[in-house]
Protein backbone atom coordinates (compact mmCIF):
# COMPACT_ATOMS: atom_id res chain seq x y z
CA MET A 1 53.20 69.87 -1.09
CA LYS A 2 55.86 71.77 1.12
CA ILE A 3 56.86 75.36 0.80
CA ALA A 4 59.70 77.07 2.89
CA GLY A 5 60.57 80.93 2.43
CA ARG A 6 61.05 84.12 4.40
CA ALA A 7 58.02 86.03 5.64
CA HIS A 8 56.93 89.62 4.31
CA CYS A 9 53.95 90.69 6.37
CA PHE A 10 51.08 92.95 5.42
CA GLY A 11 47.90 93.79 7.25
CA ASP A 12 44.36 93.40 6.53
CA ASP A 13 42.29 94.22 3.47
CA ILE A 14 45.13 94.23 1.01
CA ASN A 15 43.27 94.95 -2.25
CA THR A 16 44.25 93.93 -5.81
CA ASP A 17 45.31 97.62 -6.60
CA TYR A 18 47.56 97.54 -3.73
CA ILE A 19 49.22 94.30 -5.02
CA ILE A 20 49.57 95.90 -8.48
CA ALA A 21 48.44 99.26 -9.30
CA SER A 22 45.73 99.52 -11.85
CA LYS A 23 48.03 102.18 -13.72
CA TYR A 24 50.44 99.53 -14.43
CA LYS A 25 48.07 96.90 -15.71
CA THR A 26 47.28 99.03 -18.81
CA ALA A 27 50.88 99.94 -19.30
CA ALA A 28 52.42 96.59 -19.50
CA LEU A 29 51.01 93.01 -20.30
CA ASP A 30 54.23 91.20 -19.12
CA PRO A 31 53.96 89.80 -15.71
CA ALA A 32 57.70 89.89 -15.28
CA GLU A 33 57.67 93.70 -16.16
CA LEU A 34 54.77 94.35 -13.70
CA THR A 35 56.52 92.62 -10.83
CA ARG A 36 58.97 95.59 -10.42
CA HIS A 37 55.87 97.41 -9.07
CA LEU A 38 54.72 94.62 -6.83
CA MET A 39 53.18 96.28 -3.35
CA GLU A 40 54.67 99.62 -4.57
CA ASP A 41 52.02 101.75 -3.26
CA ILE A 42 52.16 100.28 0.44
CA ASP A 43 55.80 99.30 0.61
CA PRO A 44 57.94 101.06 -1.93
CA GLY A 45 61.02 98.79 -2.58
CA PHE A 46 59.22 95.51 -1.60
CA ALA A 47 59.74 94.24 -5.35
CA GLN A 48 63.50 94.70 -4.82
CA ARG A 49 63.75 92.97 -1.41
CA ILE A 50 62.00 89.86 -2.20
CA ARG A 51 63.65 86.44 -3.09
CA PRO A 52 62.54 83.55 -4.90
CA GLY A 53 60.40 81.33 -2.61
CA ASP A 54 59.62 84.17 -0.11
CA ILE A 55 56.02 84.02 1.48
CA LEU A 56 53.55 86.92 1.62
CA VAL A 57 51.57 86.99 4.80
CA ALA A 58 48.56 89.14 5.59
CA GLY A 59 45.71 89.61 7.84
CA ARG A 60 42.03 89.35 6.86
CA ASN A 61 40.55 89.75 3.39
CA PHE A 62 43.72 89.53 1.25
CA GLY A 63 43.06 90.08 -2.50
CA CYS A 64 39.94 91.98 -2.04
CA GLY A 65 38.94 94.28 -4.87
CA SER A 66 39.00 93.53 -8.73
CA SER A 67 38.35 89.88 -9.81
CA ARG A 68 40.76 90.08 -12.43
CA GLU A 69 43.84 87.58 -12.16
CA GLY A 70 46.40 90.01 -12.67
CA ALA A 71 47.42 90.43 -8.94
CA PRO A 72 48.14 86.73 -8.28
CA VAL A 73 49.80 86.27 -11.61
CA VAL A 74 52.25 89.04 -10.68
CA ILE A 75 52.71 87.57 -7.25
CA LYS A 76 53.42 84.37 -8.76
CA ALA A 77 55.81 85.95 -11.26
CA ALA A 78 57.82 87.68 -8.80
CA GLY A 79 58.74 84.12 -7.40
CA ILE A 80 56.55 84.39 -4.21
CA GLY A 81 56.21 80.73 -3.07
CA ALA A 82 52.95 80.95 -1.19
CA ILE A 83 50.51 83.53 0.44
CA VAL A 84 49.47 83.11 3.92
CA ALA A 85 46.76 84.95 5.41
CA LYS A 86 43.72 84.90 7.87
CA SER A 87 41.39 85.11 5.26
CA PHE A 88 41.16 85.79 1.46
CA ALA A 89 38.72 87.53 -0.91
CA ARG A 90 36.85 84.45 -2.48
CA ILE A 91 37.79 85.42 -6.02
CA PHE A 92 41.34 86.08 -5.27
CA PHE A 93 41.63 82.90 -3.60
CA ARG A 94 40.11 80.78 -6.53
CA ASN A 95 42.46 82.91 -9.10
CA ALA A 96 45.31 82.00 -7.16
CA ILE A 97 44.68 78.28 -7.25
CA ASN A 98 43.65 78.54 -10.75
CA ILE A 99 47.17 79.83 -11.85
CA GLY A 100 48.99 77.59 -9.38
CA LEU A 101 49.99 79.93 -6.50
CA PRO A 102 49.85 78.33 -3.24
CA VAL A 103 47.52 79.89 -0.50
CA PHE A 104 47.35 78.80 3.16
CA VAL A 105 44.67 80.10 5.52
CA CYS A 106 45.41 80.33 9.16
CA ASP A 107 46.09 82.69 12.08
CA THR A 108 49.04 84.90 11.06
CA SER A 109 49.10 87.13 14.02
CA ALA A 110 52.30 85.77 15.49
CA ILE A 111 54.33 85.82 12.20
CA GLU A 112 56.53 88.69 11.79
CA THR A 113 58.53 89.99 8.68
CA GLY A 114 61.83 88.09 8.36
CA HIS A 115 60.62 85.04 10.00
CA ASP A 116 61.40 81.66 8.29
CA LEU A 117 58.38 79.61 7.45
CA ARG A 118 57.70 75.99 6.37
CA LEU A 119 54.27 74.94 5.17
CA ASP A 120 52.64 71.60 4.22
CA LEU A 121 49.64 72.59 2.17
CA GLU A 122 48.32 68.91 2.15
CA ALA A 123 48.59 68.50 5.94
CA GLY A 124 47.47 71.99 6.75
CA VAL A 125 50.44 72.45 8.88
CA GLY A 126 53.03 75.22 9.08
CA HIS A 127 56.05 75.85 11.20
CA ASP A 128 57.66 79.43 12.20
CA LEU A 129 61.21 78.22 12.14
CA THR A 130 62.27 81.37 13.84
CA THR A 131 59.91 81.10 16.81
CA GLY A 132 59.44 77.24 16.83
CA ALA A 133 55.57 77.75 16.65
CA THR A 134 53.30 75.60 14.85
CA ILE A 135 50.70 76.98 12.33
CA THR A 136 47.57 75.07 11.73
CA ALA A 137 45.17 75.49 8.99
CA ALA A 138 42.60 73.41 7.32
CA PRO A 139 44.44 71.49 4.55
CA LEU A 140 43.45 72.41 0.96
CA PRO A 141 41.22 69.75 -0.88
CA ARG A 142 43.05 67.22 -2.97
CA ALA A 143 41.92 68.82 -6.22
CA MET A 144 43.13 72.24 -5.39
CA ILE A 145 46.66 70.62 -4.40
CA ALA A 146 46.64 68.84 -7.82
CA VAL A 147 45.83 72.12 -9.55
CA VAL A 148 48.58 73.93 -7.77
CA ARG A 149 51.14 71.07 -8.06
CA ASP A 150 50.65 71.10 -11.87
CA GLY A 151 51.14 74.73 -12.17
CA GLY A 152 47.46 75.98 -12.30
CA LEU A 153 44.03 74.87 -13.95
CA ALA A 154 45.04 75.24 -17.55
CA ALA A 155 48.56 73.23 -17.07
CA HIS A 156 46.48 70.53 -14.93
CA ILE A 157 44.09 70.02 -17.73
CA ARG A 158 46.90 70.07 -20.58
CA LYS A 159 48.61 67.32 -18.32
CA HIS A 160 45.62 65.14 -17.80
CA GLY A 161 43.33 65.92 -20.89
CA THR A 162 40.64 66.77 -18.57
CA PHE A 163 40.11 67.91 -14.89
CA GLN A 164 40.84 64.86 -12.92
CA VAL A 165 42.21 64.24 -9.47
CA ALA A 166 43.97 61.00 -8.85
């Protein structure tokens, strides 16, 4: 599974309330409506700058905080192609896979906002097309790739009638 997009960089410990503030989670249920407020508290105007396929890049512990799926759902609804981080909060990582949002764990310290990235989730290799650098990561397991490719766990089960990996 290959993904290409422009990087938008954030730091360490980006919690789910930074991703989508809890004050909005109770005001609207439509993820498309909530995308207007994506990362608003730490980067006002971020939602207006992103383009479909762009890639969120972060440091350590991305998605810490709430265990609700709201944060990865809003990221996916905004058209973000993938999230690349040094590490993820465990529940956020699983929620992202379960809704079909690609995640890539690697060293992000040399990636800067505006860099063009290309990721191969199955091979665990990425390329910073702006600098020419190779980015390595452990490839996602086949089961996770299958779930992401099918659009999330529910879509995968609808498609196959069960949880299966070919």
